N, C-alpha and C. Protein backbone atom coordinates (compact mmCIF):
# COMPACT_ATOMS: atom_id res chain seq x y z
N UNK A 1 0.82 -1.14 -0.02
CA UNK A 1 0.00 0.03 -0.02
C UNK A 1 0.84 1.28 0.00
N UNK A 2 0.41 2.21 -0.77
CA UNK A 2 1.23 3.48 -0.85
C UNK A 2 1.12 4.30 0.38
N UNK A 3 2.21 5.00 0.76
CA UNK A 3 2.01 6.06 1.81
C UNK A 3 1.74 7.34 1.21
N UNK A 4 1.30 8.35 1.93
CA UNK A 4 1.02 9.58 1.38
C UNK A 4 2.22 10.32 0.65
N UNK A 5 3.29 10.10 1.15
CA UNK A 5 4.45 10.65 0.54
C UNK A 5 4.79 10.12 -0.96
N UNK A 6 4.16 8.93 -1.26
CA UNK A 6 4.39 8.36 -2.65
C UNK A 6 3.39 8.95 -3.61
N UNK A 7 2.40 9.49 -3.29
CA UNK A 7 1.39 10.11 -4.17
C UNK A 7 1.90 11.43 -4.81
N UNK A 8 1.79 11.53 -6.18
CA UNK A 8 2.37 12.78 -6.84
C UNK A 8 1.29 13.75 -7.01
N UNK A 9 0.11 13.30 -7.04
CA UNK A 9 -1.02 14.35 -7.32
C UNK A 9 -2.29 13.74 -6.58
N UNK A 10 -3.24 14.67 -6.47
CA UNK A 10 -4.53 14.21 -5.79
C UNK A 10 -5.64 14.83 -6.45
N UNK A 11 -6.83 14.29 -6.22
CA UNK A 11 -8.09 14.78 -6.84
C UNK A 11 -8.79 15.54 -5.75
N UNK A 12 -9.13 16.76 -6.05
CA UNK A 12 -9.94 17.64 -5.13
C UNK A 12 -11.36 17.85 -5.79
N UNK A 13 -12.40 17.61 -5.13
CA UNK A 13 -13.67 17.87 -5.76
C UNK A 13 -13.83 19.44 -5.69
N UNK A 14 -14.37 19.85 -6.79
CA UNK A 14 -14.75 21.32 -6.76
C UNK A 14 -16.06 21.43 -6.09
N UNK A 15 -16.27 22.43 -5.26
CA UNK A 15 -17.52 22.60 -4.57
C UNK A 15 -18.72 22.76 -5.58
N UNK A 16 -19.79 22.26 -5.27
CA UNK A 16 -20.92 22.39 -6.17
C UNK A 16 -21.50 23.83 -6.15
N UNK A 17 -21.96 24.24 -7.40
CA UNK A 17 -22.57 25.57 -7.51
C UNK A 17 -24.07 25.39 -7.23
N UNK A 18 -24.56 24.18 -7.67
CA UNK A 18 -26.13 24.07 -7.54
C UNK A 18 -26.27 22.52 -7.04
N UNK A 19 -27.10 22.44 -5.97
CA UNK A 19 -27.55 21.01 -5.42
C UNK A 19 -28.73 20.55 -6.05
N UNK A 20 -29.10 19.39 -5.95
CA UNK A 20 -30.35 18.79 -6.53
C UNK A 20 -31.49 19.46 -6.13
N UNK A 21 -32.32 20.15 -7.03
CA UNK A 21 -33.43 20.95 -6.63
C UNK A 21 -34.59 20.06 -6.06
N UNK A 22 -34.56 18.78 -6.35
CA UNK A 22 -35.54 17.93 -5.83
C UNK A 22 -35.40 17.58 -4.36
N UNK A 23 -34.20 17.76 -3.99
CA UNK A 23 -33.80 17.42 -2.57
C UNK A 23 -33.55 18.56 -1.74
N UNK A 24 -33.02 19.67 -2.23
CA UNK A 24 -32.78 20.78 -1.38
C UNK A 24 -33.63 22.08 -1.70
N UNK A 25 -33.98 22.76 -0.65
CA UNK A 25 -34.52 24.07 -0.82
C UNK A 25 -33.31 25.05 -0.95
N UNK A 26 -33.49 26.20 -1.68
CA UNK A 26 -32.38 27.17 -1.82
C UNK A 26 -31.15 26.36 -2.35
N UNK A 27 -31.42 25.53 -3.36
CA UNK A 27 -30.36 24.80 -3.94
C UNK A 27 -29.21 25.44 -4.72
N UNK A 28 -29.52 26.71 -5.08
CA UNK A 28 -28.50 27.43 -5.78
C UNK A 28 -27.85 28.53 -4.87
N UNK A 29 -27.90 28.39 -3.66
CA UNK A 29 -27.26 29.33 -2.67
C UNK A 29 -26.06 28.74 -2.02
N UNK A 30 -25.39 29.41 -1.20
CA UNK A 30 -24.26 28.77 -0.40
C UNK A 30 -24.75 27.94 0.71
N UNK A 31 -25.95 28.10 1.08
CA UNK A 31 -26.56 27.48 2.31
C UNK A 31 -27.80 26.67 2.04
N UNK A 32 -27.77 25.55 1.19
CA UNK A 32 -28.90 24.85 0.89
C UNK A 32 -29.49 24.15 2.05
N UNK A 33 -30.88 23.91 2.18
CA UNK A 33 -31.47 23.21 3.23
C UNK A 33 -32.20 21.97 2.65
N UNK A 34 -32.07 20.84 3.26
CA UNK A 34 -32.63 19.61 2.82
C UNK A 34 -34.20 19.79 2.96
N UNK A 35 -35.01 19.38 1.99
CA UNK A 35 -36.48 19.59 2.11
C UNK A 35 -37.06 18.73 3.16
N UNK A 36 -38.07 19.09 3.78
CA UNK A 36 -38.68 18.42 4.81
C UNK A 36 -39.30 17.07 4.39
N UNK A 37 -39.80 17.08 3.09
CA UNK A 37 -40.32 15.73 2.57
C UNK A 37 -39.20 14.70 2.47
N UNK A 38 -37.94 15.06 2.03
CA UNK A 38 -36.83 14.23 1.97
C UNK A 38 -36.44 13.74 3.29
N UNK A 39 -36.31 14.75 4.28
CA UNK A 39 -35.95 14.37 5.65
C UNK A 39 -37.00 13.40 6.21
N UNK A 40 -38.31 13.50 5.96
CA UNK A 40 -39.37 12.64 6.46
C UNK A 40 -39.14 11.24 5.83
N UNK A 41 -38.85 11.21 4.54
CA UNK A 41 -38.48 9.86 3.85
C UNK A 41 -37.29 9.18 4.59
N UNK A 42 -36.23 9.88 4.81
CA UNK A 42 -35.15 9.35 5.52
C UNK A 42 -35.49 8.81 6.97
N UNK A 43 -36.22 9.65 7.63
CA UNK A 43 -36.63 9.17 8.93
C UNK A 43 -37.41 8.00 8.89
N UNK A 44 -38.43 7.89 8.04
CA UNK A 44 -39.31 6.74 7.88
C UNK A 44 -38.35 5.46 7.67
N UNK A 45 -37.44 5.66 6.80
CA UNK A 45 -36.65 4.45 6.48
C UNK A 45 -35.83 4.01 7.66
N UNK A 46 -35.34 4.96 8.43
CA UNK A 46 -34.57 4.65 9.75
C UNK A 46 -35.52 3.91 10.70
N UNK A 47 -36.81 4.39 10.85
CA UNK A 47 -37.72 3.72 11.73
C UNK A 47 -38.13 2.29 11.17
N UNK A 48 -38.23 2.07 9.90
CA UNK A 48 -38.47 0.81 9.22
C UNK A 48 -37.19 -0.06 9.57
N UNK A 49 -36.15 0.49 9.40
CA UNK A 49 -34.91 -0.33 9.71
C UNK A 49 -34.86 -0.87 11.20
N UNK A 50 -35.16 0.15 12.07
CA UNK A 50 -35.12 -0.16 13.41
C UNK A 50 -36.09 -1.19 13.86
N UNK A 51 -37.29 -1.13 13.27
CA UNK A 51 -38.36 -2.20 13.49
C UNK A 51 -37.94 -3.44 13.09
N UNK A 52 -37.31 -3.58 11.85
CA UNK A 52 -36.89 -4.78 11.30
C UNK A 52 -35.79 -5.42 12.04
N UNK A 53 -34.87 -4.58 12.56
CA UNK A 53 -33.71 -4.96 13.42
C UNK A 53 -34.19 -5.60 14.65
N UNK A 54 -35.13 -4.91 15.34
CA UNK A 54 -35.77 -5.40 16.56
C UNK A 54 -36.43 -6.94 16.34
N UNK A 55 -37.19 -6.88 15.28
CA UNK A 55 -37.77 -8.18 14.95
C UNK A 55 -36.75 -9.28 14.76
N UNK A 56 -35.69 -9.01 14.06
CA UNK A 56 -34.63 -9.98 13.83
C UNK A 56 -33.84 -10.44 15.08
N UNK A 57 -33.67 -9.46 16.03
CA UNK A 57 -33.02 -9.75 17.32
C UNK A 57 -34.03 -10.61 18.18
N UNK A 58 -35.30 -10.34 18.18
CA UNK A 58 -36.25 -11.10 18.86
C UNK A 58 -36.25 -12.65 18.37
N UNK A 59 -36.22 -12.59 17.09
CA UNK A 59 -36.25 -14.01 16.35
C UNK A 59 -34.95 -14.78 16.72
N UNK A 60 -33.72 -14.10 16.78
CA UNK A 60 -32.52 -14.80 17.11
C UNK A 60 -32.61 -15.28 18.64
N UNK A 61 -33.14 -14.48 19.50
CA UNK A 61 -33.26 -14.77 20.89
C UNK A 61 -34.23 -15.97 21.11
N UNK A 62 -35.37 -15.93 20.37
CA UNK A 62 -36.28 -17.14 20.43
C UNK A 62 -35.65 -18.42 19.99
N UNK A 63 -34.85 -18.32 18.82
CA UNK A 63 -34.30 -19.42 18.23
C UNK A 63 -33.20 -19.95 19.14
N UNK A 64 -32.43 -18.99 19.87
CA UNK A 64 -31.37 -19.41 20.72
C UNK A 64 -32.03 -20.12 22.03
N UNK A 65 -33.07 -19.69 22.53
CA UNK A 65 -33.77 -20.25 23.77
C UNK A 65 -34.30 -21.62 23.38
N UNK A 66 -35.03 -21.74 22.19
CA UNK A 66 -35.63 -23.05 21.82
C UNK A 66 -34.63 -24.03 21.26
N UNK A 67 -33.50 -23.40 20.93
CA UNK A 67 -32.47 -24.27 20.41
C UNK A 67 -32.81 -25.21 19.29
């Protein structure tokens, strides 16, 4: 594996001028804000993941007890 001293050049991302208008309000400013609808979708997916995770943990515990 190369160390940092062996790299001759690097890639630096240029800051975006415009963010995705379907995801951000004020997408063409320096301070875009994520839309509430997108934030709600993300939150719902986290809640679904958490519920699924709890169901799987309970299933593993039951399987471990009943062997």
